[in-house]
Amino acid sequence: MAGRLERRIMRLNDEIAALREQERQAFEESQIHRHLNDDAERDYAVSGHAFDRMDAEDTRGDVDRADRVVSRIRASREKLEAKRDKLLSRLG
């Protein structure tokens, strides 16, 4: 039977795994936004139209927001990994 410390570590491992999956999905979404922004930037560079400029600005904002989501998830995951590592060092 696992002790309290081991159960906490296992629970942290589950949370870390879930965050890794969320991070992967958020990163994939950020890549989609990045591709859309590349297309919008290219369209604006070619046409110079105000509509294309606004589209490029909007898609750049989407990229920035998606990148912030990835960063927040990564920071949460790293915090939990540090906590888990500290608990693991207590096991001996």
N, C-alpha and C. Protein backbone atom coordinates (compact mmCIF):
# COMPACT_ATOMS: atom_id res chain seq x y z
N MET A 1 0.85 -1.18 0.00
CA MET A 1 0.00 0.00 0.00
C MET A 1 0.89 1.24 0.00
N ALA A 2 0.55 2.16 -0.86
CA ALA A 2 1.34 3.38 -0.98
C ALA A 2 1.05 4.30 0.20
N GLY A 3 2.11 4.96 0.66
CA GLY A 3 1.96 5.91 1.74
C GLY A 3 1.43 7.24 1.23
N ARG A 4 1.23 8.14 2.17
CA ARG A 4 0.67 9.45 1.83
C ARG A 4 1.56 10.21 0.85
N LEU A 5 2.85 10.18 1.07
CA LEU A 5 3.79 10.88 0.19
C LEU A 5 3.75 10.31 -1.22
N GLU A 6 3.71 8.98 -1.32
CA GLU A 6 3.65 8.34 -2.63
C GLU A 6 2.35 8.68 -3.35
N ARG A 7 1.23 8.73 -2.62
CA ARG A 7 -0.05 9.09 -3.24
C ARG A 7 -0.01 10.53 -3.75
N ARG A 8 0.60 11.43 -2.98
CA ARG A 8 0.73 12.82 -3.43
C ARG A 8 1.56 12.90 -4.71
N ILE A 9 2.63 12.13 -4.76
CA ILE A 9 3.48 12.12 -5.95
C ILE A 9 2.71 11.57 -7.15
N MET A 10 1.96 10.50 -6.93
CA MET A 10 1.18 9.93 -8.04
C MET A 10 0.12 10.92 -8.53
N ARG A 11 -0.51 11.62 -7.60
CA ARG A 11 -1.52 12.62 -7.98
C ARG A 11 -0.86 13.76 -8.78
N LEU A 12 0.32 14.19 -8.34
CA LEU A 12 1.05 15.22 -9.07
C LEU A 12 1.43 14.72 -10.46
N ASN A 13 1.84 13.47 -10.57
CA ASN A 13 2.18 12.90 -11.88
C ASN A 13 0.97 12.93 -12.81
N ASP A 14 -0.21 12.63 -12.28
CA ASP A 14 -1.43 12.68 -13.09
C ASP A 14 -1.71 14.11 -13.55
N GLU A 15 -1.56 15.07 -12.64
CA GLU A 15 -1.79 16.47 -12.99
C GLU A 15 -0.77 16.96 -14.03
N ILE A 16 0.46 16.53 -13.86
CA ILE A 16 1.52 16.91 -14.81
C ILE A 16 1.22 16.33 -16.18
N ALA A 17 0.79 15.08 -16.22
CA ALA A 17 0.45 14.46 -17.51
C ALA A 17 -0.70 15.21 -18.19
N ALA A 18 -1.70 15.60 -17.42
CA ALA A 18 -2.83 16.35 -17.98
C ALA A 18 -2.36 17.70 -18.52
N LEU A 19 -1.48 18.37 -17.78
CA LEU A 19 -0.96 19.65 -18.23
C LEU A 19 -0.10 19.50 -19.48
N ARG A 20 0.66 18.42 -19.56
CA ARG A 20 1.46 18.18 -20.77
C ARG A 20 0.56 18.05 -21.99
N GLU A 21 -0.56 17.36 -21.83
CA GLU A 21 -1.50 17.20 -22.94
C GLU A 21 -2.13 18.55 -23.30
N GLN A 22 -2.51 19.31 -22.29
CA GLN A 22 -3.06 20.65 -22.55
C GLN A 22 -2.03 21.53 -23.25
N GLU A 23 -0.79 21.43 -22.80
CA GLU A 23 0.28 22.22 -23.41
C GLU A 23 0.48 21.83 -24.87
N ARG A 24 0.45 20.54 -25.15
CA ARG A 24 0.59 20.07 -26.53
C ARG A 24 -0.53 20.61 -27.41
N GLN A 25 -1.75 20.51 -26.91
CA GLN A 25 -2.89 20.99 -27.68
C GLN A 25 -2.83 22.50 -27.89
N ALA A 26 -2.47 23.24 -26.85
CA ALA A 26 -2.37 24.69 -26.96
C ALA A 26 -1.26 25.08 -27.93
N PHE A 27 -0.16 24.34 -27.91
CA PHE A 27 0.93 24.62 -28.84
C PHE A 27 0.49 24.38 -30.28
N GLU A 28 -0.23 23.28 -30.51
CA GLU A 28 -0.73 23.00 -31.85
C GLU A 28 -1.67 24.11 -32.32
N GLU A 29 -2.52 24.57 -31.42
CA GLU A 29 -3.42 25.67 -31.77
C GLU A 29 -2.63 26.93 -32.09
N SER A 30 -1.57 27.19 -31.32
CA SER A 30 -0.76 28.38 -31.60
C SER A 30 -0.10 28.28 -32.97
N GLN A 31 0.25 27.07 -33.37
CA GLN A 31 0.87 26.89 -34.68
C GLN A 31 -0.13 27.18 -35.80
N ILE A 32 -1.37 26.80 -35.59
CA ILE A 32 -2.42 27.11 -36.57
C ILE A 32 -2.57 28.62 -36.70
N HIS A 33 -2.64 29.30 -35.55
CA HIS A 33 -2.76 30.76 -35.58
C HIS A 33 -1.55 31.39 -36.26
N ARG A 34 -0.38 30.82 -36.02
CA ARG A 34 0.85 31.34 -36.63
C ARG A 34 0.78 31.22 -38.17
N HIS A 35 0.30 30.09 -38.66
CA HIS A 35 0.16 29.90 -40.11
C HIS A 35 -0.85 30.87 -40.70
N LEU A 36 -1.98 31.04 -39.99
CA LEU A 36 -2.98 31.99 -40.46
C LEU A 36 -2.41 33.41 -40.50
N ASN A 37 -1.61 33.74 -39.48
CA ASN A 37 -1.00 35.07 -39.46
C ASN A 37 0.01 35.24 -40.59
N ASP A 38 0.77 34.21 -40.86
CA ASP A 38 1.72 34.28 -41.99
C ASP A 38 0.98 34.58 -43.29
N ASP A 39 -0.14 33.89 -43.49
CA ASP A 39 -0.93 34.14 -44.71
C ASP A 39 -1.47 35.57 -44.73
N ALA A 40 -1.98 36.03 -43.59
CA ALA A 40 -2.55 37.38 -43.53
C ALA A 40 -1.47 38.44 -43.76
N GLU A 41 -0.29 38.23 -43.17
CA GLU A 41 0.82 39.17 -43.36
C GLU A 41 1.24 39.21 -44.84
N ARG A 42 1.27 38.05 -45.45
CA ARG A 42 1.63 37.96 -46.86
C ARG A 42 0.59 38.67 -47.74
N ASP A 43 -0.68 38.44 -47.43
CA ASP A 43 -1.75 39.10 -48.18
C ASP A 43 -1.64 40.62 -48.07
N TYR A 44 -1.36 41.10 -46.86
CA TYR A 44 -1.23 42.54 -46.66
C TYR A 44 -0.02 43.09 -47.40
N ALA A 45 1.08 42.35 -47.37
CA ALA A 45 2.28 42.80 -48.06
C ALA A 45 2.06 42.91 -49.56
N VAL A 46 1.26 42.01 -50.10
CA VAL A 46 1.00 42.01 -51.54
C VAL A 46 -0.03 43.07 -51.92
N SER A 47 -1.12 43.16 -51.14
CA SER A 47 -2.22 44.04 -51.55
C SER A 47 -2.11 45.45 -50.98
N GLY A 48 -1.68 45.55 -49.73
CA GLY A 48 -1.62 46.85 -49.08
C GLY A 48 -2.99 47.39 -48.68
N HIS A 49 -4.04 46.61 -48.83
CA HIS A 49 -5.39 47.06 -48.50
C HIS A 49 -5.58 47.15 -46.98
N ALA A 50 -6.41 48.09 -46.57
CA ALA A 50 -6.68 48.30 -45.14
C ALA A 50 -7.29 47.05 -44.52
N PHE A 51 -8.17 46.37 -45.26
CA PHE A 51 -8.80 45.16 -44.74
C PHE A 51 -7.73 44.10 -44.43
N ASP A 52 -6.78 43.93 -45.33
CA ASP A 52 -5.72 42.95 -45.12
C ASP A 52 -4.84 43.35 -43.94
N ARG A 53 -4.63 44.65 -43.76
CA ARG A 53 -3.84 45.11 -42.62
C ARG A 53 -4.56 44.77 -41.31
N MET A 54 -5.86 45.02 -41.27
CA MET A 54 -6.64 44.71 -40.06
C MET A 54 -6.64 43.21 -39.79
N ASP A 55 -6.76 42.42 -40.85
CA ASP A 55 -6.74 40.96 -40.70
C ASP A 55 -5.39 40.52 -40.14
N ALA A 56 -4.31 41.10 -40.64
CA ALA A 56 -2.97 40.74 -40.15
C ALA A 56 -2.82 41.13 -38.68
N GLU A 57 -3.34 42.28 -38.30
CA GLU A 57 -3.26 42.70 -36.90
C GLU A 57 -4.07 41.76 -36.01
N ASP A 58 -5.25 41.39 -36.47
CA ASP A 58 -6.10 40.47 -35.70
C ASP A 58 -5.42 39.11 -35.52
N THR A 59 -4.87 38.59 -36.59
CA THR A 59 -4.25 37.26 -36.49
C THR A 59 -2.98 37.32 -35.64
N ARG A 60 -2.27 38.45 -35.66
CA ARG A 60 -1.09 38.61 -34.79
C ARG A 60 -1.53 38.56 -33.33
N GLY A 61 -2.66 39.20 -33.03
CA GLY A 61 -3.20 39.15 -31.67
C GLY A 61 -3.56 37.74 -31.26
N ASP A 62 -4.12 36.96 -32.20
CA ASP A 62 -4.45 35.56 -31.91
C ASP A 62 -3.19 34.76 -31.58
N VAL A 63 -2.12 35.02 -32.33
CA VAL A 63 -0.84 34.32 -32.08
C VAL A 63 -0.34 34.68 -30.69
N ASP A 64 -0.37 35.96 -30.36
CA ASP A 64 0.12 36.39 -29.04
C ASP A 64 -0.69 35.77 -27.91
N ARG A 65 -2.01 35.75 -28.06
CA ARG A 65 -2.86 35.14 -27.03
C ARG A 65 -2.58 33.64 -26.90
N ALA A 66 -2.46 32.96 -28.00
CA ALA A 66 -2.19 31.52 -27.97
C ALA A 66 -0.83 31.24 -27.32
N ASP A 67 0.15 32.07 -27.63
CA ASP A 67 1.47 31.90 -27.02
C ASP A 67 1.43 32.12 -25.51
N ARG A 68 0.62 33.08 -25.07
CA ARG A 68 0.48 33.32 -23.62
C ARG A 68 -0.17 32.12 -22.93
N VAL A 69 -1.14 31.50 -23.59
CA VAL A 69 -1.79 30.31 -23.02
C VAL A 69 -0.76 29.20 -22.86
N VAL A 70 0.03 28.97 -23.89
CA VAL A 70 1.07 27.93 -23.82
C VAL A 70 2.04 28.24 -22.68
N SER A 71 2.44 29.50 -22.55
CA SER A 71 3.37 29.88 -21.49
C SER A 71 2.79 29.66 -20.10
N ARG A 72 1.51 30.00 -19.92
CA ARG A 72 0.88 29.80 -18.61
C ARG A 72 0.79 28.32 -18.27
N ILE A 73 0.41 27.51 -19.25
CA ILE A 73 0.33 26.07 -18.99
C ILE A 73 1.71 25.51 -18.66
N ARG A 74 2.71 25.93 -19.43
CA ARG A 74 4.08 25.46 -19.20
C ARG A 74 4.56 25.85 -17.80
N ALA A 75 4.27 27.07 -17.39
CA ALA A 75 4.69 27.53 -16.05
C ALA A 75 4.01 26.69 -14.97
N SER A 76 2.73 26.39 -15.15
CA SER A 76 2.01 25.56 -14.18
C SER A 76 2.61 24.17 -14.11
N ARG A 77 2.89 23.61 -15.28
CA ARG A 77 3.49 22.27 -15.33
C ARG A 77 4.85 22.26 -14.64
N GLU A 78 5.67 23.25 -14.94
CA GLU A 78 7.01 23.31 -14.34
C GLU A 78 6.94 23.48 -12.83
N LYS A 79 5.97 24.23 -12.36
CA LYS A 79 5.79 24.41 -10.91
C LYS A 79 5.44 23.08 -10.25
N LEU A 80 4.52 22.34 -10.89
CA LEU A 80 4.15 21.03 -10.33
C LEU A 80 5.31 20.05 -10.40
N GLU A 81 6.10 20.12 -11.47
CA GLU A 81 7.27 19.22 -11.57
C GLU A 81 8.27 19.53 -10.47
N ALA A 82 8.47 20.79 -10.17
CA ALA A 82 9.39 21.16 -9.09
C ALA A 82 8.87 20.66 -7.75
N LYS A 83 7.57 20.78 -7.55
CA LYS A 83 6.95 20.28 -6.31
C LYS A 83 7.11 18.78 -6.21
N ARG A 84 6.86 18.09 -7.32
CA ARG A 84 7.01 16.63 -7.34
C ARG A 84 8.45 16.23 -7.06
N ASP A 85 9.40 16.92 -7.69
CA ASP A 85 10.81 16.60 -7.48
C ASP A 85 11.22 16.80 -6.03
N LYS A 86 10.67 17.82 -5.40
CA LYS A 86 10.96 18.05 -3.99
C LYS A 86 10.43 16.90 -3.14
N LEU A 87 9.22 16.45 -3.46
CA LEU A 87 8.65 15.32 -2.72
C LEU A 87 9.45 14.03 -2.98
N LEU A 88 9.88 13.86 -4.24
CA LEU A 88 10.67 12.66 -4.55
C LEU A 88 11.98 12.64 -3.77
N SER A 89 12.57 13.80 -3.57
CA SER A 89 13.84 13.86 -2.82
C SER A 89 13.62 13.48 -1.37
N ARG A 90 12.41 13.66 -0.88
CA ARG A 90 12.09 13.28 0.51
C ARG A 90 11.94 11.79 0.68
N LEU A 91 11.70 11.09 -0.44
CA LEU A 91 11.55 9.64 -0.35
C LEU A 91 12.86 8.95 -0.02
N GLY A 92 13.93 9.57 -0.45
CA GLY A 92 15.22 8.99 -0.13
C GLY A 92 15.93 8.42 -1.26
